[in-house]
Protein backbone atom coordinates (compact mmCIF):
# COMPACT_ATOMS: atom_id res chain seq x y z
CA UNK A 1 29.92 13.19 23.84
CA UNK A 2 33.06 11.03 24.01
CA UNK A 3 32.32 7.19 23.60
CA UNK A 4 33.85 6.99 26.91
CA UNK A 5 35.34 9.54 29.40
CA UNK A 6 38.75 8.30 29.83
CA UNK A 7 40.48 11.69 30.46
CA UNK A 8 39.55 13.11 33.96
CA UNK A 9 38.55 16.87 34.25
CA UNK A 10 41.87 17.08 36.35
CA UNK A 11 43.49 15.75 33.23
CA UNK A 12 41.95 18.36 30.81
CA UNK A 13 42.82 20.92 32.80
CA UNK A 14 46.55 19.77 32.74
CA UNK A 15 46.07 19.58 28.95
CA UNK A 16 45.29 23.34 29.02
CA UNK A 17 48.52 24.15 30.64
CA UNK A 18 50.83 22.07 28.76
CA UNK A 19 53.96 23.12 26.91
CA UNK A 20 55.57 20.63 24.34
CA UNK A 21 59.44 20.55 25.71
CA UNK A 22 62.07 18.08 23.85
CA UNK A 23 65.88 17.66 23.43
CA UNK A 24 67.11 16.07 20.07
CA UNK A 25 70.88 15.96 20.22
CA UNK A 26 71.40 13.48 17.43
CA UNK A 27 73.51 14.62 14.81
CA UNK A 28 71.52 12.32 11.88
CA UNK A 29 68.34 14.09 12.99
CA UNK A 30 69.64 17.52 13.95
CA UNK A 31 72.02 18.10 10.61
CA UNK A 32 70.52 15.80 8.20
CA UNK A 33 67.06 15.00 8.90
CA UNK A 34 65.45 18.02 9.98
CA UNK A 35 66.50 19.99 7.29
CA UNK A 36 65.37 17.29 4.97
CA UNK A 37 61.70 17.69 6.40
CA UNK A 38 61.82 21.56 6.56
CA UNK A 39 62.47 21.40 2.99
CA UNK A 40 59.61 18.67 2.35
CA UNK A 41 56.99 20.13 4.34
CA UNK A 42 56.94 23.68 2.16
CA UNK A 43 55.45 21.17 -0.54
CA UNK A 44 52.42 20.21 1.72
CA UNK A 45 49.34 21.98 1.03
CA UNK A 46 48.17 24.24 4.20
CA UNK A 47 44.96 22.89 4.66
CA UNK A 48 46.40 19.39 5.52
CA UNK A 49 45.92 18.58 9.06
CA UNK A 50 49.22 17.33 10.78
CA UNK A 51 47.27 14.71 12.38
CA UNK A 52 46.11 13.25 9.17
CA UNK A 53 49.64 12.86 8.24
CA UNK A 54 50.79 11.17 11.54
CA UNK A 55 48.24 8.75 10.67
CA UNK A 56 48.85 8.14 7.40
CA UNK A 57 52.61 7.53 8.11
CA UNK A 58 51.49 5.14 10.78
CA UNK A 59 49.22 2.98 8.56
CA UNK A 60 52.39 2.58 6.60
CA UNK A 61 53.99 0.77 8.95
CA UNK A 62 50.61 -1.53 9.29
CA UNK A 63 50.69 -2.23 5.57
CA UNK A 64 54.28 -3.67 5.91
CA UNK A 65 52.78 -5.74 8.47
CA UNK A 66 50.21 -6.99 6.89
CA UNK A 67 52.29 -7.42 3.78
CA UNK A 68 54.66 -9.63 5.29
CA UNK A 69 51.97 -11.11 7.66
CA UNK A 70 50.36 -12.67 4.20
CA UNK A 71 53.76 -13.52 2.53
CA UNK A 72 55.66 -14.93 5.78
CA UNK A 73 52.97 -15.36 8.37
CA UNK A 74 55.10 -17.81 10.63
CA UNK A 75 58.42 -15.86 9.91
CA UNK A 76 59.88 -19.13 8.05
CA UNK A 77 59.88 -17.79 4.33
CA UNK A 78 63.56 -16.68 5.05
CA UNK A 79 64.91 -20.01 5.93
CA UNK A 80 66.81 -21.94 3.62
CA UNK A 81 64.64 -24.47 1.28
CA UNK A 82 61.70 -22.46 1.62
CA UNK A 83 59.53 -19.80 -0.49
CA UNK A 84 61.36 -16.63 0.09
CA UNK A 85 59.06 -13.06 0.30
CA UNK A 86 59.38 -11.71 -3.35
CA UNK A 87 61.78 -8.94 -4.10
CA UNK A 88 59.52 -6.35 -4.55
CA UNK A 89 57.87 -6.94 -1.07
CA UNK A 90 61.47 -5.67 0.52
CA UNK A 91 61.06 -2.66 -2.34
CA UNK A 92 58.02 -1.64 -1.02
CA UNK A 93 58.62 -2.53 2.97
CA UNK A 94 61.79 -0.31 2.64
CA UNK A 95 59.76 2.84 0.42
CA UNK A 96 57.04 2.46 3.27
CA UNK A 97 58.96 2.29 6.09
CA UNK A 98 60.91 5.41 5.06
CA UNK A 99 57.65 7.54 4.22
CA UNK A 100 56.06 6.25 7.93
CA UNK A 101 59.83 7.57 9.42
CA UNK A 102 59.72 11.05 7.01
CA UNK A 103 55.91 11.54 7.74
CA UNK A 104 56.34 11.26 11.39
CA UNK A 105 59.03 13.85 11.52
CA UNK A 106 56.76 16.15 8.97
CA UNK A 107 53.30 16.01 11.15
CA UNK A 108 55.06 18.74 13.72
CA UNK A 109 56.65 20.78 11.27
CA UNK A 110 53.08 21.21 9.49
CA UNK A 111 51.31 21.68 12.78
CA UNK A 112 53.77 24.91 13.54
CA UNK A 113 53.58 25.92 9.98
CA UNK A 114 49.98 26.15 9.94
CA UNK A 115 49.67 27.42 13.59
CA UNK A 116 47.71 24.28 14.76
CA UNK A 117 49.81 22.74 17.22
CA UNK A 118 47.98 21.44 20.16
CA UNK A 119 48.50 18.97 22.90
CA UNK A 120 46.49 16.22 21.01
CA UNK A 121 48.49 16.27 18.35
CA UNK A 122 51.50 15.42 20.41
CA UNK A 123 49.16 12.66 22.23
CA UNK A 124 48.31 11.40 18.69
CA UNK A 125 51.84 10.98 17.68
CA UNK A 126 53.03 9.08 20.14
CA UNK A 127 50.08 7.44 21.39
CA UNK A 128 50.41 6.03 17.31
CA UNK A 129 54.47 5.65 18.21
CA UNK A 130 53.85 3.24 20.59
CA UNK A 131 51.77 1.10 18.53
CA UNK A 132 54.26 1.14 15.65
CA UNK A 133 56.78 -0.47 17.73
CA UNK A 134 55.36 -3.96 17.01
CA UNK A 135 54.85 -3.44 13.36
CA UNK A 136 58.51 -2.80 12.37
CA UNK A 137 59.70 -4.96 15.03
CA UNK A 138 57.82 -7.79 13.56
CA UNK A 139 58.27 -6.66 9.80
CA UNK A 140 62.20 -6.49 10.64
CA UNK A 141 62.28 -10.04 11.83
CA UNK A 142 60.96 -11.55 8.42
CA UNK A 143 64.35 -10.51 7.22
CA UNK A 144 66.16 -13.35 9.27
CA UNK A 145 63.19 -15.56 10.01
CA UNK A 146 63.55 -18.36 12.14
CA UNK A 147 65.86 -20.52 10.58
CA UNK A 148 69.61 -21.80 11.12
CA UNK A 149 70.73 -18.08 10.68
CA UNK A 150 67.80 -16.28 12.06
CA UNK A 151 66.38 -15.87 15.70
CA UNK A 152 64.35 -17.95 17.39
CA UNK A 153 60.80 -16.80 18.48
CA UNK A 154 61.23 -16.60 21.63
CA UNK A 155 64.56 -14.70 21.17
CA UNK A 156 62.20 -12.37 19.05
CA UNK A 157 59.54 -12.00 22.03
CA UNK A 158 62.53 -10.95 24.51
CA UNK A 159 63.89 -8.35 21.75
CA UNK A 160 60.43 -6.84 21.28
CA UNK A 161 60.31 -6.51 24.83
CA UNK A 162 63.96 -4.66 24.92
CA UNK A 163 62.36 -2.07 22.24
CA UNK A 164 59.15 -1.63 24.04
CA UNK A 165 61.11 -0.84 27.12
CA UNK A 166 63.28 1.64 25.57
CA UNK A 167 60.13 3.49 24.04
CA UNK A 168 58.57 3.94 27.45
CA UNK A 169 61.96 4.78 29.16
CA UNK A 170 61.81 8.24 27.41
CA UNK A 171 57.99 8.63 28.29
CA UNK A 172 59.06 7.95 31.88
CA UNK A 173 61.75 10.18 31.65
CA UNK A 174 59.23 12.98 30.54
CA UNK A 175 56.83 11.89 33.52
CA UNK A 176 59.70 12.82 35.90
CA UNK A 177 61.63 15.55 34.22
CA UNK A 178 59.03 17.53 32.00
CA UNK A 179 61.49 16.88 29.14
CA UNK A 180 61.03 14.54 26.43
CA UNK A 181 64.82 13.16 25.42
CA UNK A 182 64.71 11.88 22.11
CA UNK A 183 66.83 8.64 21.81
CA UNK A 184 69.34 8.76 19.41
CA UNK A 185 68.55 4.83 18.35
CA UNK A 186 65.61 5.98 16.73
CA UNK A 187 66.43 7.83 13.85
CA UNK A 188 69.61 5.89 13.01
CA UNK A 189 67.45 2.41 13.30
CA UNK A 190 64.56 4.04 10.97
CA UNK A 191 67.10 4.57 8.20
CA UNK A 192 69.04 1.63 8.99
CA UNK A 193 65.92 -0.58 8.52
CA UNK A 194 64.88 1.26 5.34
CA UNK A 195 68.35 0.33 3.74
CA UNK A 196 68.15 -3.35 5.12
CA UNK A 197 65.25 -3.93 3.10
CA UNK A 198 66.52 -2.37 -0.36
CA UNK A 199 69.51 -3.97 0.37
CA UNK A 200 67.46 -7.35 0.76
CA UNK A 201 65.52 -6.67 -2.37
CA UNK A 202 68.64 -6.39 -4.42
CA UNK A 203 70.80 -9.77 -2.63
CA UNK A 204 68.34 -11.76 -1.37
CA UNK A 205 67.80 -13.41 1.88
CA UNK A 206 70.66 -15.74 1.66
CA UNK A 207 73.00 -12.62 1.89
CA UNK A 208 72.11 -12.71 5.84
CA UNK A 209 73.03 -16.38 6.04
CA UNK A 210 76.88 -15.85 5.85
CA UNK A 211 78.62 -14.25 8.74
CA UNK A 212 80.02 -10.60 8.86
CA UNK A 213 83.20 -11.97 10.47
CA UNK A 214 84.51 -14.75 12.27
CA UNK A 215 81.47 -16.70 13.24
CA UNK A 216 79.23 -13.89 13.71
CA UNK A 217 76.20 -13.68 11.84
CA UNK A 218 74.28 -10.84 10.81
CA UNK A 219 71.27 -12.00 12.87
CA UNK A 220 73.83 -11.59 16.32
CA UNK A 221 75.01 -8.33 15.17
CA UNK A 222 71.22 -7.13 14.88
CA UNK A 223 70.46 -8.62 18.19
CA UNK A 224 73.57 -7.01 19.77
CA UNK A 225 72.77 -3.55 18.41
CA UNK A 226 69.23 -3.54 19.98
CA UNK A 227 70.05 -4.64 23.47
CA UNK A 228 73.22 -2.95 23.49
CA UNK A 229 71.78 0.28 22.47
CA UNK A 230 69.17 -0.05 25.21
CA UNK A 231 71.28 -1.23 28.30
CA UNK A 232 74.36 0.83 27.26
CA UNK A 233 72.96 4.04 26.05
CA UNK A 234 68.95 4.31 26.66
CA UNK A 235 68.65 3.18 29.97
CA UNK A 236 71.40 4.76 31.73
CA UNK A 237 70.76 7.98 30.11
CA UNK A 238 67.39 7.62 31.57
CA UNK A 239 68.16 6.75 34.77
CA UNK A 240 70.74 9.48 35.28
CA UNK A 241 68.46 12.47 33.99
CA UNK A 242 65.60 11.32 36.38
CA UNK A 243 68.03 10.91 39.14
CA UNK A 244 69.60 14.50 38.50
CA UNK A 245 66.01 15.64 38.68
CA UNK A 246 65.28 13.97 42.22
CA UNK A 247 68.90 15.61 43.71
CA UNK A 248 68.25 18.77 42.48
CA UNK A 249 64.66 18.75 43.69
CA UNK A 250 63.24 19.41 40.04
CA UNK A 251 61.29 16.07 40.02
CA UNK A 252 58.10 16.51 38.95
CA UNK A 253 56.78 14.01 41.57
CA UNK A 254 57.16 13.90 45.15
CA UNK A 255 59.08 10.68 46.01
CA UNK A 256 61.27 8.17 43.90
CA UNK A 257 58.09 5.57 44.82
CA UNK A 258 55.91 7.81 42.67
CA UNK A 259 58.34 8.36 40.12
CA UNK A 260 58.95 4.76 39.38
CA UNK A 261 55.05 3.76 39.78
CA UNK A 262 54.34 4.13 35.88
CA UNK A 263 56.63 0.85 35.67
CA UNK A 264 54.31 -1.24 37.55
CA UNK A 265 51.84 -2.19 34.89
CA UNK A 266 54.32 -2.64 31.91
CA UNK A 267 56.14 -4.86 34.58
CA UNK A 268 53.17 -6.79 35.11
CA UNK A 269 52.18 -6.73 31.49
CA UNK A 270 55.70 -8.75 31.02
CA UNK A 271 55.59 -10.95 33.65
CA UNK A 272 51.91 -12.33 32.43
CA UNK A 273 53.01 -12.76 28.99
CA UNK A 274 56.29 -14.26 29.59
CA UNK A 275 54.42 -16.73 32.06
CA UNK A 276 52.44 -17.70 29.28
CA UNK A 277 55.64 -18.02 26.86
CA UNK A 278 57.38 -20.03 29.67
CA UNK A 279 54.49 -22.26 30.99
CA UNK A 280 52.48 -22.79 27.61
CA UNK A 281 51.45 -26.39 27.33
CA UNK A 282 51.27 -26.12 23.60
CA UNK A 283 54.52 -23.77 23.09
CA UNK A 284 51.92 -20.75 22.09
CA UNK A 285 54.46 -18.43 20.86
CA UNK A 286 56.34 -21.12 18.40
CA UNK A 287 52.82 -21.97 17.11
CA UNK A 288 51.43 -18.18 16.72
CA UNK A 289 54.66 -15.76 17.11
CA UNK A 290 53.09 -12.91 14.81
CA UNK A 291 49.59 -12.92 16.48
CA UNK A 292 51.08 -13.51 20.42
CA UNK A 293 53.58 -10.42 19.57
CA UNK A 294 50.75 -8.39 18.21
CA UNK A 295 48.75 -8.83 21.58
CA UNK A 296 51.90 -8.13 23.64
CA UNK A 297 52.70 -4.91 21.81
CA UNK A 298 49.04 -3.66 21.36
CA UNK A 299 48.41 -4.39 25.25
CA UNK A 300 51.61 -2.41 25.84
CA UNK A 301 50.83 0.54 23.64
CA UNK A 302 47.58 0.65 25.81
CA UNK A 303 49.57 0.81 29.14
CA UNK A 304 51.80 3.60 27.10
CA UNK A 305 49.03 5.66 26.33
CA UNK A 306 47.95 5.88 29.61
CA UNK A 307 51.34 7.02 30.64
CA UNK A 308 51.56 9.69 28.25
CA UNK A 309 47.97 11.18 29.23
CA UNK A 310 49.37 11.52 32.67
CA UNK A 311 52.81 12.82 31.65
CA UNK A 312 51.30 15.48 29.26
CA UNK A 313 48.80 16.61 31.94
CA UNK A 314 50.78 16.51 34.80
CA UNK A 315 48.66 14.18 36.84
CA UNK A 316 49.56 11.02 38.79
CA UNK A 317 49.96 7.70 37.00
CA UNK A 318 47.33 4.73 37.73
CA UNK A 319 49.53 2.14 39.24
CA UNK A 320 47.29 -0.78 37.39
CA UNK A 321 46.05 -1.03 34.05
CA UNK A 322 42.71 -2.58 34.27
CA UNK A 323 42.88 -4.55 30.65
CA UNK A 324 45.61 -6.63 32.98
CA UNK A 325 42.88 -7.89 35.04
CA UNK A 326 41.09 -10.03 32.40
CA UNK A 327 44.69 -10.89 31.16
CA UNK A 328 45.54 -12.41 34.14
CA UNK A 329 42.17 -14.47 33.82
CA UNK A 330 43.23 -15.50 30.35
CA UNK A 331 46.75 -16.44 31.16
CA UNK A 332 46.25 -18.64 34.16
CA UNK A 333 43.43 -20.29 32.18
CA UNK A 334 46.20 -21.27 29.44
CA UNK A 335 48.69 -22.31 31.36
CA UNK A 336 46.40 -24.40 33.74
CA UNK A 337 45.23 -26.06 30.87
CA UNK A 338 41.35 -24.90 31.55
CA UNK A 339 41.37 -23.62 28.26
CA UNK A 340 42.60 -26.46 26.02
CA UNK A 341 42.72 -24.84 22.63
CA UNK A 342 45.47 -22.13 23.18
CA UNK A 343 45.48 -20.97 19.89
CA UNK A 344 41.83 -19.92 19.85
CA UNK A 345 42.26 -18.23 23.23
CA UNK A 346 45.20 -16.39 21.67
CA UNK A 347 42.77 -15.23 18.31
CA UNK A 348 39.64 -14.26 20.92
CA UNK A 349 42.18 -12.43 23.35
CA UNK A 350 44.35 -10.48 20.60
CA UNK A 351 40.93 -9.31 19.14
CA UNK A 352 39.52 -8.35 22.50
CA UNK A 353 42.86 -6.30 22.82
CA UNK A 354 42.94 -4.48 19.95
CA UNK A 355 39.22 -3.47 20.00
CA UNK A 356 39.84 -2.00 23.42
CA UNK A 357 43.03 -0.46 22.63
CA UNK A 358 41.35 1.18 19.61
CA UNK A 359 38.14 2.11 21.65
CA UNK A 360 40.19 3.91 24.08
CA UNK A 361 42.08 5.88 21.54
CA UNK A 362 39.00 7.00 20.00
CA UNK A 363 37.46 7.86 22.71
CA UNK A 364 40.60 10.08 24.16
CA UNK A 365 40.69 11.73 20.59
CA UNK A 366 37.05 12.61 20.60
CA UNK A 367 37.30 13.82 24.12
CA UNK A 368 40.33 15.94 23.62
CA UNK A 369 38.86 17.04 20.31
CA UNK A 370 35.60 18.26 21.70
CA UNK A 371 37.52 19.72 24.78
CA UNK A 372 39.82 22.27 22.13
CA UNK A 373 37.19 22.68 19.88
CA UNK A 374 38.86 21.27 17.09
CA UNK A 375 38.76 18.43 14.68
CA UNK A 376 41.15 15.72 14.58
CA UNK A 377 41.60 15.05 11.19
CA UNK A 378 40.72 18.69 9.41
CA UNK A 379 42.24 22.37 10.23
CA UNK A 380 38.42 23.78 9.67
CA UNK A 381 36.28 24.54 12.89
CA UNK A 382 33.73 22.96 14.58
CA UNK A 383 30.40 24.94 13.95
CA UNK A 384 29.22 27.00 17.17
CA UNK A 385 25.77 25.66 16.25
C-alpha cells in the first residue's frame, strides 16, 4: 500500500492512456545538446534505471545549494569587504550544475534505450525540476550577493517568482493543449550559469562589481535577462498557444475558466508569501532570505506537482492546494504579531512544508510504481508472489 493515496482511481486510469508529447525548437538543444546526450547515453550501463539518473542530477543541485549555504548562508560573502566564497567552490558549482543539466537530458534517452519509458518517469523528472528551481536560483544569487553591486533580497524574492511562474507556464500550457512546449530559456540559462560559475572561480567575484557598459552592472543584466525572457517570450508564447487551442476548439478543457483554474493556487501562494514579506514586523526576508526562499520554492513545487499529475492524467485541476490553508494561519500569525519569534516560526513552517512535500512525492511514486508494477529506481520487475 502507498503511504497515502494522493492519486485517484480516475487519475490512474488517465495515466494508463497517457502518451508523451513535446516540442523542442531551441537550436542549442536540437543541434548541440541532444547530439551530446545521444553520445553520452551509449556509455551508460543498460541496467541503470532512468529515474536514478534523474534523482542523481537533482541531488547535484541540492549539493550546490547546501555547499553555498555553508559558505554564504545570508548572501553576503560576495559583498566588498567580506570573506568571499573559495574559488574551488565555484568550480565545483559549475561542474555540478552542468552534470545536473546533462543527467536531466540523458534520463529520457536512457529510458527509450532500455525500453523502460513510463508516465512515472516523466512525472518524477518534471516533479523534481519544479523543486530544482529554488536550488539553482539561490545558488546563482550568491555570485552577486546583496552588497552595493549585488541584488537586494526582496528583488531576489521576486526574481524567484518570475522563474517559478515561467516554469509552471509550460505545464499549464500542456494542461490545456496536451503538448509540452519546452522553453528556450532553460537550456540557455543552464549552460550560461555553469560557465559563469567557472568564470567566477577564475576572475573572482570582484569582477562583477564593475559595470558592463556605462552604469549598467552585471546584476542589472542578470535581472533584465530573467525578467525580459519571461515576459517577452515565455508568457506571450504560452498565452498564444492556449488561446490558439481555444479558438480551434482543441482546448482540453471546457472553458477559459477551467483553462485558467490551475493558476489559483500559485497566485494564492504568491499573495500569502508576499504579504509576509511586506508586512513582516521583523523583516523576515532580510533576516532569513535563504530559508524563506526555500520555503516558498518547496511550497510552489508541491502546487506544481499536483498540476502535473492532473495534466498527465487528463483530469480536472483542483482549485486549492490544502497546504495553503495552514500557511494562511502561519502568515496571519506572523504579520499580526501573534507569533513574536518569526525566525523560529519560519524554520518550523519550512520544515513542515519540506516534510509534507517529500511525503507527497514518495506516496505518489509508490502509488504509480505499484500501479505499473515497476520499481522506481531499478529496471528489475517486482515479484508476483
